[in-house]
């Protein structure tokens, strides 16, 4: 189920969204905003994954015996 929300945006931001719609990048304002939110969510997932990799890399540096070797094909 989709919920409808109302939000306030600075005029400059709305003009930018309208320009994107006029250029055909999005069907309408709603499509633009939903896409922007989806991209943000994906970026956050990527950031979390990167943080996990950094943490794991540090753990392996401290305890290399925990590294699972990859078999060569």
N, C-alpha and C. Protein backbone atom coordinates (compact mmCIF):
# COMPACT_ATOMS: atom_id res chain seq x y z
N UNK A 1 0.84 -1.18 0.00
CA UNK A 1 0.00 0.00 0.00
C UNK A 1 0.89 1.24 0.00
N UNK A 2 0.52 2.19 -0.78
CA UNK A 2 1.27 3.44 -0.87
C UNK A 2 0.51 4.51 -0.09
N UNK A 3 1.26 5.27 0.69
CA UNK A 3 0.67 6.37 1.44
C UNK A 3 1.01 7.68 0.75
N UNK A 4 0.12 8.61 0.84
CA UNK A 4 0.33 9.92 0.25
C UNK A 4 0.87 10.85 1.33
N UNK A 5 1.88 11.63 0.98
CA UNK A 5 2.46 12.58 1.93
C UNK A 5 2.56 13.95 1.26
N UNK A 6 2.61 14.94 2.09
CA UNK A 6 2.78 16.31 1.61
C UNK A 6 4.08 16.83 2.21
N UNK A 7 4.84 17.56 1.42
CA UNK A 7 6.06 18.11 1.96
C UNK A 7 6.31 19.50 1.41
N UNK A 8 7.11 20.23 2.13
CA UNK A 8 7.49 21.58 1.71
C UNK A 8 8.94 21.54 1.26
N UNK A 9 9.18 22.17 0.12
CA UNK A 9 10.53 22.22 -0.43
C UNK A 9 10.89 23.67 -0.72
N UNK A 10 12.16 23.98 -0.64
CA UNK A 10 12.57 25.32 -1.06
C UNK A 10 12.23 25.52 -2.54
N UNK A 11 11.89 26.72 -2.90
CA UNK A 11 11.51 27.03 -4.29
C UNK A 11 12.61 26.62 -5.27
N UNK A 12 13.86 26.83 -4.90
CA UNK A 12 14.98 26.48 -5.78
C UNK A 12 15.01 24.97 -6.05
N UNK A 13 14.76 24.17 -5.03
CA UNK A 13 14.73 22.72 -5.18
C UNK A 13 13.58 22.30 -6.09
N UNK A 14 12.43 22.90 -5.90
CA UNK A 14 11.27 22.58 -6.74
C UNK A 14 11.53 22.97 -8.20
N UNK A 15 12.18 24.08 -8.41
CA UNK A 15 12.52 24.49 -9.78
C UNK A 15 13.46 23.48 -10.43
N UNK A 16 14.41 22.97 -9.66
CA UNK A 16 15.34 21.97 -10.17
C UNK A 16 14.59 20.69 -10.54
N UNK A 17 13.69 20.25 -9.68
CA UNK A 17 12.89 19.06 -9.97
C UNK A 17 12.04 19.29 -11.21
N UNK A 18 11.42 20.44 -11.32
CA UNK A 18 10.61 20.76 -12.50
C UNK A 18 11.46 20.77 -13.78
N UNK A 19 12.69 21.22 -13.67
CA UNK A 19 13.60 21.21 -14.83
C UNK A 19 13.89 19.78 -15.26
N UNK A 20 14.13 18.90 -14.28
CA UNK A 20 14.38 17.50 -14.60
C UNK A 20 13.17 16.86 -15.28
N UNK A 21 11.99 17.21 -14.80
CA UNK A 21 10.76 16.68 -15.41
C UNK A 21 10.65 17.21 -16.84
N UNK A 22 10.89 18.50 -17.04
CA UNK A 22 10.81 19.10 -18.38
C UNK A 22 11.83 18.47 -19.33
N UNK A 23 12.98 18.09 -18.82
CA UNK A 23 14.02 17.45 -19.63
C UNK A 23 13.71 15.98 -19.92
N UNK A 24 12.67 15.46 -19.29
CA UNK A 24 12.28 14.07 -19.50
C UNK A 24 13.02 13.07 -18.63
N UNK A 25 13.76 13.54 -17.64
CA UNK A 25 14.47 12.63 -16.74
C UNK A 25 13.50 11.88 -15.84
N UNK A 26 12.36 12.51 -15.55
CA UNK A 26 11.31 11.91 -14.72
C UNK A 26 9.96 12.22 -15.35
N UNK A 27 8.97 11.36 -15.03
CA UNK A 27 7.62 11.57 -15.57
C UNK A 27 6.94 12.77 -14.93
N UNK A 28 7.17 12.94 -13.63
CA UNK A 28 6.53 14.02 -12.88
C UNK A 28 7.29 14.26 -11.58
N UNK A 29 6.82 15.22 -10.80
CA UNK A 29 7.49 15.53 -9.53
C UNK A 29 7.53 14.33 -8.60
N UNK A 30 6.41 13.63 -8.52
CA UNK A 30 6.33 12.48 -7.63
C UNK A 30 7.36 11.42 -8.00
N UNK A 31 7.47 11.13 -9.29
CA UNK A 31 8.45 10.16 -9.77
C UNK A 31 9.87 10.61 -9.42
N UNK A 32 10.16 11.87 -9.57
CA UNK A 32 11.48 12.40 -9.24
C UNK A 32 11.79 12.21 -7.76
N UNK A 33 10.85 12.57 -6.91
CA UNK A 33 11.08 12.48 -5.47
C UNK A 33 11.21 11.02 -5.02
N UNK A 34 10.37 10.13 -5.56
CA UNK A 34 10.49 8.71 -5.21
C UNK A 34 11.84 8.15 -5.65
N UNK A 35 12.31 8.55 -6.82
CA UNK A 35 13.60 8.08 -7.31
C UNK A 35 14.73 8.59 -6.44
N UNK A 36 14.66 9.86 -6.06
CA UNK A 36 15.69 10.44 -5.19
C UNK A 36 15.74 9.68 -3.86
N UNK A 37 14.60 9.37 -3.30
CA UNK A 37 14.55 8.63 -2.03
C UNK A 37 15.13 7.23 -2.21
N UNK A 38 14.79 6.56 -3.31
CA UNK A 38 15.33 5.22 -3.58
C UNK A 38 16.85 5.25 -3.72
N UNK A 39 17.36 6.25 -4.42
CA UNK A 39 18.81 6.38 -4.57
C UNK A 39 19.48 6.63 -3.22
N UNK A 40 18.86 7.43 -2.38
CA UNK A 40 19.40 7.68 -1.05
C UNK A 40 19.44 6.38 -0.24
N UNK A 41 18.34 5.62 -0.28
CA UNK A 41 18.29 4.35 0.46
C UNK A 41 19.39 3.40 -0.02
N UNK A 42 19.59 3.33 -1.33
CA UNK A 42 20.62 2.46 -1.88
C UNK A 42 22.01 2.93 -1.45
N UNK A 43 22.22 4.24 -1.45
CA UNK A 43 23.51 4.78 -1.01
C UNK A 43 23.78 4.43 0.44
N UNK A 44 22.75 4.49 1.28
CA UNK A 44 22.92 4.15 2.69
C UNK A 44 23.26 2.67 2.87
N UNK A 45 22.63 1.81 2.08
CA UNK A 45 22.96 0.38 2.14
C UNK A 45 24.41 0.15 1.73
N UNK A 46 24.85 0.86 0.69
CA UNK A 46 26.23 0.74 0.23
C UNK A 46 27.19 1.24 1.31
N UNK A 47 26.84 2.36 1.96
CA UNK A 47 27.69 2.90 3.02
C UNK A 47 27.80 1.91 4.18
N UNK A 48 26.69 1.28 4.55
CA UNK A 48 26.71 0.29 5.64
C UNK A 48 27.58 -0.91 5.26
N UNK A 49 27.48 -1.36 4.01
CA UNK A 49 28.29 -2.48 3.54
C UNK A 49 29.76 -2.11 3.57
N UNK A 50 30.09 -0.91 3.12
CA UNK A 50 31.47 -0.44 3.13
C UNK A 50 32.02 -0.39 4.56
N UNK A 51 31.22 0.12 5.49
CA UNK A 51 31.64 0.17 6.89
C UNK A 51 31.90 -1.24 7.43
N UNK A 52 31.05 -2.18 7.06
CA UNK A 52 31.25 -3.57 7.48
C UNK A 52 32.56 -4.12 6.91
N UNK A 53 32.85 -3.80 5.64
CA UNK A 53 34.10 -4.26 5.03
C UNK A 53 35.32 -3.66 5.74
N UNK A 54 35.24 -2.38 6.06
CA UNK A 54 36.34 -1.75 6.79
C UNK A 54 36.56 -2.41 8.14
N UNK A 55 35.47 -2.67 8.85
CA UNK A 55 35.57 -3.33 10.16
C UNK A 55 36.16 -4.72 10.01
N UNK A 56 35.69 -5.46 9.03
CA UNK A 56 36.20 -6.82 8.81
C UNK A 56 37.67 -6.80 8.42
N UNK A 57 38.06 -5.83 7.60
CA UNK A 57 39.46 -5.71 7.20
C UNK A 57 40.35 -5.47 8.42
N UNK A 58 39.89 -4.61 9.31
CA UNK A 58 40.65 -4.34 10.53
C UNK A 58 40.74 -5.59 11.40
N UNK A 59 39.65 -6.34 11.49
CA UNK A 59 39.66 -7.57 12.28
C UNK A 59 40.66 -8.57 11.71
N UNK A 60 40.72 -8.66 10.39
CA UNK A 60 41.64 -9.61 9.75
C UNK A 60 43.09 -9.17 9.96
N UNK A 61 43.34 -7.87 9.94
CA UNK A 61 44.69 -7.38 10.20
C UNK A 61 45.13 -7.76 11.62
N UNK A 62 44.21 -7.66 12.55
CA UNK A 62 44.52 -7.97 13.95
C UNK A 62 44.58 -9.47 14.21
N UNK A 63 43.77 -10.24 13.47
CA UNK A 63 43.69 -11.69 13.66
C UNK A 63 43.65 -12.39 12.29
N UNK A 64 44.78 -12.44 11.61
CA UNK A 64 44.79 -13.02 10.25
C UNK A 64 44.37 -14.49 10.21
N UNK A 65 44.47 -15.17 11.32
CA UNK A 65 44.09 -16.58 11.35
C UNK A 65 42.58 -16.78 11.11
N UNK A 66 41.81 -15.72 11.27
CA UNK A 66 40.35 -15.83 11.07
C UNK A 66 39.96 -15.70 9.60
N UNK A 67 40.92 -15.34 8.76
CA UNK A 67 40.64 -15.16 7.33
C UNK A 67 40.39 -16.52 6.69
N UNK A 68 39.32 -16.61 5.97
CA UNK A 68 39.00 -17.84 5.26
C UNK A 68 39.65 -17.75 3.88
N UNK A 69 40.60 -18.65 3.59
CA UNK A 69 41.29 -18.57 2.28
C UNK A 69 40.35 -18.95 1.14
N UNK A 70 40.53 -18.25 0.03
CA UNK A 70 39.77 -18.57 -1.17
C UNK A 70 40.55 -19.61 -1.97
N UNK A 71 39.84 -20.59 -2.47
CA UNK A 71 40.49 -21.59 -3.28
C UNK A 71 40.64 -21.05 -4.70
N UNK A 72 41.78 -21.30 -5.28
CA UNK A 72 42.00 -20.85 -6.64
C UNK A 72 41.28 -21.79 -7.59
N UNK A 73 40.69 -21.21 -8.62
CA UNK A 73 39.94 -22.00 -9.60
C UNK A 73 40.83 -22.57 -10.64
